[in-house]
C-alpha cells in the first residue's frame, strides 16, 4: 500500500507543478485547446479523445464503486474534468481509511466483503 500511495503522491505533485507552470506561462485556455485539437482530427486530438475515454471510465468506476449514490453523481463532473488531481486525491483518501486494502479501494465497501 505504501508504494501505491507514493505513486499517487508523485503523480499528483508532478501534475500540479506542471499545471501551475503552464497556467503562469499561458493562462487558462485548456478546455478550448483540448476540444479544438479533437475537432482538428490530428494526433494531439486523438490523444485527447483517448484520454477523455479514460476520464469517462474513471468517472463511471467511481460512481459504480459508490453504488450511484446521489453524492457520487454530484461529484462525477469533478472526476470527468478533474483528471489525475481529483482521482489521485480520491484514491489517497481511500487508502488511508481504517481497514483500507485494494479490494475495498477498487470494489467499494459494499462489494469487498
N, C-alpha and C. Protein backbone atom coordinates (compact mmCIF):
# COMPACT_ATOMS: atom_id res chain seq x y z
N UNK A 1 0.83 -1.19 0.00
CA UNK A 1 0.00 0.00 0.00
C UNK A 1 0.87 1.26 0.00
N UNK A 2 2.03 1.17 0.64
CA UNK A 2 2.92 2.34 0.69
C UNK A 2 3.40 2.73 -0.70
N UNK A 3 3.78 1.76 -1.51
CA UNK A 3 4.23 2.05 -2.87
C UNK A 3 3.10 2.69 -3.69
N UNK A 4 1.87 2.22 -3.51
CA UNK A 4 0.71 2.78 -4.19
C UNK A 4 0.50 4.23 -3.79
N UNK A 5 0.60 4.51 -2.50
CA UNK A 5 0.44 5.88 -2.02
C UNK A 5 1.54 6.80 -2.55
N UNK A 6 2.76 6.28 -2.60
CA UNK A 6 3.87 7.08 -3.14
C UNK A 6 3.63 7.40 -4.61
N UNK A 7 3.20 6.40 -5.38
CA UNK A 7 2.89 6.62 -6.79
C UNK A 7 1.82 7.70 -6.94
N UNK A 8 0.75 7.59 -6.17
CA UNK A 8 -0.32 8.59 -6.24
C UNK A 8 0.20 9.98 -5.89
N UNK A 9 1.00 10.08 -4.85
CA UNK A 9 1.53 11.38 -4.43
C UNK A 9 2.46 11.97 -5.49
N UNK A 10 3.30 11.14 -6.10
CA UNK A 10 4.21 11.61 -7.15
C UNK A 10 3.41 12.10 -8.37
N UNK A 11 2.41 11.32 -8.77
CA UNK A 11 1.57 11.74 -9.90
C UNK A 11 0.87 13.06 -9.60
N UNK A 12 0.31 13.17 -8.42
CA UNK A 12 -0.40 14.39 -8.03
C UNK A 12 0.54 15.59 -8.01
N UNK A 13 1.67 15.46 -7.33
CA UNK A 13 2.61 16.58 -7.23
C UNK A 13 3.15 16.99 -8.59
N UNK A 14 3.53 16.01 -9.40
CA UNK A 14 4.07 16.31 -10.73
C UNK A 14 3.07 17.07 -11.57
N UNK A 15 1.84 16.60 -11.59
CA UNK A 15 0.84 17.26 -12.43
C UNK A 15 0.46 18.64 -11.89
N UNK A 16 0.39 18.79 -10.57
CA UNK A 16 0.08 20.11 -10.02
C UNK A 16 1.18 21.12 -10.33
N UNK A 17 2.43 20.70 -10.23
CA UNK A 17 3.54 21.61 -10.56
C UNK A 17 3.52 21.95 -12.04
N UNK A 18 3.35 20.95 -12.89
CA UNK A 18 3.31 21.16 -14.34
C UNK A 18 2.15 22.10 -14.70
N UNK A 19 0.98 21.85 -14.13
CA UNK A 19 -0.19 22.67 -14.41
C UNK A 19 0.02 24.09 -13.93
N UNK A 20 0.60 24.25 -12.75
CA UNK A 20 0.87 25.59 -12.24
C UNK A 20 1.81 26.38 -13.15
N UNK A 21 2.85 25.71 -13.61
CA UNK A 21 3.79 26.38 -14.53
C UNK A 21 3.10 26.75 -15.84
N UNK A 22 2.27 25.87 -16.33
CA UNK A 22 1.55 26.13 -17.58
C UNK A 22 0.58 27.29 -17.42
N UNK A 23 -0.13 27.32 -16.30
CA UNK A 23 -1.07 28.43 -16.04
C UNK A 23 -0.33 29.76 -15.97
N UNK A 24 0.81 29.78 -15.32
CA UNK A 24 1.59 31.02 -15.23
C UNK A 24 2.09 31.48 -16.59
N UNK A 25 2.47 30.53 -17.43
CA UNK A 25 3.04 30.86 -18.74
C UNK A 25 1.99 31.17 -19.78
N UNK A 26 0.90 30.41 -19.81
CA UNK A 26 -0.06 30.52 -20.90
C UNK A 26 -1.47 30.90 -20.49
N UNK A 27 -1.75 30.94 -19.20
CA UNK A 27 -3.10 31.24 -18.76
C UNK A 27 -3.99 30.02 -18.88
N UNK A 28 -5.29 30.24 -18.74
CA UNK A 28 -6.22 29.11 -18.75
C UNK A 28 -7.03 29.09 -20.04
N UNK A 29 -6.60 28.25 -20.97
CA UNK A 29 -7.39 28.03 -22.17
C UNK A 29 -7.45 26.52 -22.46
N UNK A 30 -7.35 25.75 -21.40
CA UNK A 30 -7.25 24.30 -21.52
C UNK A 30 -8.41 23.63 -22.21
N UNK A 31 -9.62 23.98 -21.83
CA UNK A 31 -10.79 23.32 -22.42
C UNK A 31 -10.90 23.62 -23.91
N UNK A 32 -10.69 24.88 -24.27
CA UNK A 32 -10.78 25.25 -25.68
C UNK A 32 -9.73 24.50 -26.51
N UNK A 33 -8.50 24.48 -26.02
CA UNK A 33 -7.43 23.78 -26.72
C UNK A 33 -7.72 22.30 -26.83
N UNK A 34 -8.19 21.71 -25.74
CA UNK A 34 -8.48 20.27 -25.69
C UNK A 34 -9.49 19.88 -26.78
N UNK A 35 -10.61 20.58 -26.83
CA UNK A 35 -11.66 20.22 -27.78
C UNK A 35 -11.35 20.69 -29.20
N UNK A 36 -10.61 21.77 -29.35
CA UNK A 36 -10.19 22.22 -30.68
C UNK A 36 -9.27 21.20 -31.33
N UNK A 37 -8.37 20.62 -30.54
CA UNK A 37 -7.48 19.58 -31.07
C UNK A 37 -8.27 18.35 -31.50
N UNK A 38 -9.28 17.97 -30.74
CA UNK A 38 -10.11 16.82 -31.14
C UNK A 38 -10.80 17.12 -32.47
N UNK A 39 -11.36 18.31 -32.59
CA UNK A 39 -12.07 18.69 -33.82
C UNK A 39 -11.12 18.78 -35.02
N UNK A 40 -9.84 19.05 -34.78
CA UNK A 40 -8.87 19.19 -35.87
C UNK A 40 -8.47 17.86 -36.49
N UNK A 41 -8.86 16.75 -35.88
CA UNK A 41 -8.54 15.42 -36.40
C UNK A 41 -7.03 15.24 -36.61
N UNK A 42 -6.25 15.58 -35.57
CA UNK A 42 -4.81 15.36 -35.62
C UNK A 42 -4.41 14.41 -34.49
N UNK A 43 -3.11 14.11 -34.38
CA UNK A 43 -2.67 13.15 -33.37
C UNK A 43 -2.87 13.67 -31.96
N UNK A 44 -2.70 14.97 -31.76
CA UNK A 44 -2.98 15.53 -30.43
C UNK A 44 -4.45 15.36 -30.09
N UNK A 45 -5.32 15.54 -31.07
CA UNK A 45 -6.74 15.32 -30.87
C UNK A 45 -7.06 13.87 -30.56
N UNK A 46 -6.35 12.95 -31.24
CA UNK A 46 -6.55 11.52 -30.96
C UNK A 46 -6.16 11.22 -29.52
N UNK A 47 -5.02 11.77 -29.07
CA UNK A 47 -4.59 11.57 -27.69
C UNK A 47 -5.62 12.13 -26.73
N UNK A 48 -6.12 13.33 -27.00
CA UNK A 48 -7.13 13.95 -26.13
C UNK A 48 -8.40 13.11 -26.06
N UNK A 49 -8.84 12.58 -27.19
CA UNK A 49 -10.04 11.75 -27.21
C UNK A 49 -9.81 10.46 -26.43
N UNK A 50 -8.64 9.86 -26.60
CA UNK A 50 -8.27 8.66 -25.84
C UNK A 50 -8.27 8.97 -24.34
N UNK A 51 -7.65 10.08 -23.96
CA UNK A 51 -7.59 10.50 -22.56
C UNK A 51 -8.99 10.74 -22.01
N UNK A 52 -9.85 11.37 -22.81
CA UNK A 52 -11.22 11.63 -22.37
C UNK A 52 -11.96 10.31 -22.11
N UNK A 53 -11.62 9.28 -22.90
CA UNK A 53 -12.18 7.95 -22.65
C UNK A 53 -11.75 7.42 -21.28
N UNK A 54 -10.47 7.60 -20.93
CA UNK A 54 -10.00 7.18 -19.60
C UNK A 54 -10.71 7.96 -18.50
N UNK A 55 -10.89 9.25 -18.70
CA UNK A 55 -11.61 10.05 -17.71
C UNK A 55 -13.05 9.57 -17.55
N UNK A 56 -13.67 9.22 -18.66
CA UNK A 56 -15.05 8.70 -18.62
C UNK A 56 -15.10 7.39 -17.85
N UNK A 57 -14.15 6.48 -18.12
CA UNK A 57 -14.11 5.21 -17.39
C UNK A 57 -13.85 5.42 -15.90
N UNK A 58 -12.94 6.32 -15.55
CA UNK A 58 -12.65 6.60 -14.14
C UNK A 58 -13.89 7.15 -13.44
N UNK A 59 -14.62 8.00 -14.13
CA UNK A 59 -15.85 8.57 -13.57
C UNK A 59 -16.90 7.49 -13.38
N UNK A 60 -17.08 6.65 -14.38
CA UNK A 60 -18.06 5.56 -14.28
C UNK A 60 -17.68 4.60 -13.16
N UNK A 61 -16.39 4.30 -13.03
CA UNK A 61 -15.93 3.42 -11.95
C UNK A 61 -16.25 4.02 -10.59
N UNK A 62 -15.93 5.31 -10.38
CA UNK A 62 -16.19 5.96 -9.10
C UNK A 62 -17.68 5.91 -8.76
N UNK A 63 -18.54 6.18 -9.74
CA UNK A 63 -19.99 6.16 -9.47
C UNK A 63 -20.44 4.74 -9.14
N UNK A 64 -19.96 3.75 -9.89
CA UNK A 64 -20.32 2.35 -9.63
C UNK A 64 -19.82 1.91 -8.26
N UNK A 65 -18.55 2.24 -7.95
CA UNK A 65 -17.95 1.87 -6.67
C UNK A 65 -18.78 2.38 -5.51
N UNK A 66 -19.40 3.51 -5.69
CA UNK A 66 -20.20 4.14 -4.64
C UNK A 66 -21.69 3.91 -4.84
N UNK A 67 -22.04 2.87 -5.61
CA UNK A 67 -23.43 2.44 -5.80
C UNK A 67 -24.34 3.54 -6.33
N UNK A 68 -23.78 4.43 -7.14
CA UNK A 68 -24.53 5.50 -7.78
C UNK A 68 -25.33 6.35 -6.78
N UNK A 69 -24.76 6.52 -5.59
CA UNK A 69 -25.40 7.36 -4.58
C UNK A 69 -25.44 8.80 -5.08
N UNK A 70 -26.40 9.58 -4.60
CA UNK A 70 -26.53 10.96 -5.09
C UNK A 70 -25.24 11.78 -4.99
N UNK A 71 -24.47 11.62 -3.91
CA UNK A 71 -23.24 12.41 -3.78
C UNK A 71 -22.24 12.00 -4.85
N UNK A 72 -22.20 10.71 -5.22
CA UNK A 72 -21.28 10.25 -6.26
C UNK A 72 -21.66 10.84 -7.61
N UNK A 73 -22.94 10.90 -7.88
CA UNK A 73 -23.41 11.52 -9.12
C UNK A 73 -23.09 13.01 -9.12
N UNK A 74 -23.21 13.64 -7.95
CA UNK A 74 -22.96 15.08 -7.86
C UNK A 74 -21.49 15.42 -8.10
N UNK A 75 -20.56 14.56 -7.65
CA UNK A 75 -19.14 14.86 -7.84
C UNK A 75 -18.59 14.29 -9.14
N UNK A 76 -19.41 13.58 -9.89
CA UNK A 76 -18.91 12.97 -11.13
C UNK A 76 -18.32 13.98 -12.12
N UNK A 77 -18.85 15.20 -12.26
CA UNK A 77 -18.18 16.16 -13.16
C UNK A 77 -16.76 16.50 -12.72
N UNK A 78 -16.50 16.49 -11.42
CA UNK A 78 -15.13 16.72 -10.95
C UNK A 78 -14.20 15.62 -11.46
N UNK A 79 -14.67 14.37 -11.44
CA UNK A 79 -13.86 13.27 -11.95
C UNK A 79 -13.69 13.37 -13.46
N UNK A 80 -14.76 13.71 -14.16
CA UNK A 80 -14.72 13.77 -15.61
C UNK A 80 -13.77 14.84 -16.11
N UNK A 81 -13.74 15.99 -15.44
CA UNK A 81 -12.92 17.10 -15.91
C UNK A 81 -11.70 17.38 -15.03
N UNK A 82 -11.60 16.71 -13.88
CA UNK A 82 -10.51 16.99 -12.94
C UNK A 82 -9.27 16.16 -13.17
N UNK A 83 -9.40 15.04 -13.85
CA UNK A 83 -8.24 14.22 -14.18
C UNK A 83 -7.50 13.67 -12.98
N UNK A 84 -6.19 13.56 -13.14
CA UNK A 84 -5.32 12.96 -12.13
C UNK A 84 -5.40 13.67 -10.77
N UNK A 85 -5.46 15.00 -10.70
CA UNK A 85 -5.55 15.61 -9.37
C UNK A 85 -6.76 15.10 -8.56
N UNK A 86 -7.89 14.96 -9.20
CA UNK A 86 -9.08 14.50 -8.50
C UNK A 86 -8.98 13.01 -8.19
N UNK A 87 -8.60 12.20 -9.18
CA UNK A 87 -8.55 10.76 -8.98
C UNK A 87 -7.50 10.38 -7.94
N UNK A 88 -6.30 10.96 -8.00
CA UNK A 88 -5.27 10.60 -7.02
C UNK A 88 -5.66 11.05 -5.62
N UNK A 89 -6.27 12.22 -5.49
CA UNK A 89 -6.71 12.69 -4.17
C UNK A 89 -7.76 11.74 -3.60
N UNK A 90 -8.70 11.32 -4.43
CA UNK A 90 -9.74 10.38 -4.02
C UNK A 90 -9.12 9.06 -3.57
N UNK A 91 -8.22 8.51 -4.39
CA UNK A 91 -7.59 7.23 -4.06
C UNK A 91 -6.70 7.33 -2.82
N UNK A 92 -5.98 8.43 -2.67
CA UNK A 92 -5.18 8.63 -1.45
C UNK A 92 -6.09 8.66 -0.22
N UNK A 93 -7.20 9.35 -0.33
CA UNK A 93 -8.15 9.39 0.78
C UNK A 93 -8.68 8.01 1.13
N UNK A 94 -9.00 7.22 0.11
CA UNK A 94 -9.48 5.86 0.37
C UNK A 94 -8.38 4.99 0.99
N UNK A 95 -7.14 5.20 0.57
CA UNK A 95 -6.04 4.34 1.03
C UNK A 95 -5.67 4.55 2.49
N UNK A 96 -6.03 5.68 3.06
CA UNK A 96 -5.68 5.94 4.46
C UNK A 96 -6.84 5.69 5.42
N UNK A 97 -7.98 5.25 4.90
CA UNK A 97 -9.10 4.92 5.78
C UNK A 97 -8.79 3.64 6.55
N UNK A 98 -9.34 3.51 7.76
CA UNK A 98 -9.12 2.28 8.53
C UNK A 98 -9.60 1.05 7.74
N UNK A 99 -8.79 0.01 7.75
CA UNK A 99 -9.13 -1.22 7.05
C UNK A 99 -8.96 -1.16 5.55
N UNK A 100 -8.26 -0.15 5.07
CA UNK A 100 -8.09 0.00 3.61
C UNK A 100 -7.26 -1.15 3.05
N UNK A 101 -7.72 -1.71 1.96
CA UNK A 101 -6.96 -2.67 1.17
C UNK A 101 -7.42 -2.50 -0.27
N UNK A 102 -6.71 -3.11 -1.20
CA UNK A 102 -7.02 -2.87 -2.62
C UNK A 102 -8.40 -3.37 -3.00
N UNK A 103 -8.87 -4.47 -2.42
CA UNK A 103 -10.23 -4.92 -2.72
C UNK A 103 -11.25 -3.86 -2.32
N UNK A 104 -11.09 -3.33 -1.14
CA UNK A 104 -12.03 -2.31 -0.65
C UNK A 104 -11.92 -1.03 -1.48
N UNK A 105 -10.68 -0.65 -1.84
CA UNK A 105 -10.48 0.56 -2.63
C UNK A 105 -11.12 0.41 -4.01
N UNK A 106 -10.86 -0.71 -4.67
CA UNK A 106 -11.34 -0.88 -6.04
C UNK A 106 -12.81 -1.25 -6.14
N UNK A 107 -13.30 -2.06 -5.21
CA UNK A 107 -14.67 -2.57 -5.30
C UNK A 107 -15.68 -1.76 -4.50
N UNK A 108 -15.21 -1.05 -3.50
CA UNK A 108 -16.10 -0.32 -2.62
C UNK A 108 -16.50 -1.19 -1.44
N UNK A 109 -16.96 -0.56 -0.38
CA UNK A 109 -17.26 -1.30 0.84
C UNK A 109 -18.39 -2.32 0.69
N UNK A 110 -19.34 -2.06 -0.17
CA UNK A 110 -20.48 -3.00 -0.30
C UNK A 110 -20.12 -4.25 -1.08
N UNK A 111 -19.06 -4.24 -1.87
CA UNK A 111 -18.69 -5.41 -2.69
C UNK A 111 -17.45 -6.13 -2.18
N UNK A 112 -16.70 -5.52 -1.28
CA UNK A 112 -15.42 -6.08 -0.85
C UNK A 112 -15.52 -7.01 0.34
N UNK A 113 -16.70 -7.41 0.70
CA UNK A 113 -16.88 -8.27 1.87
C UNK A 113 -16.36 -9.65 1.66
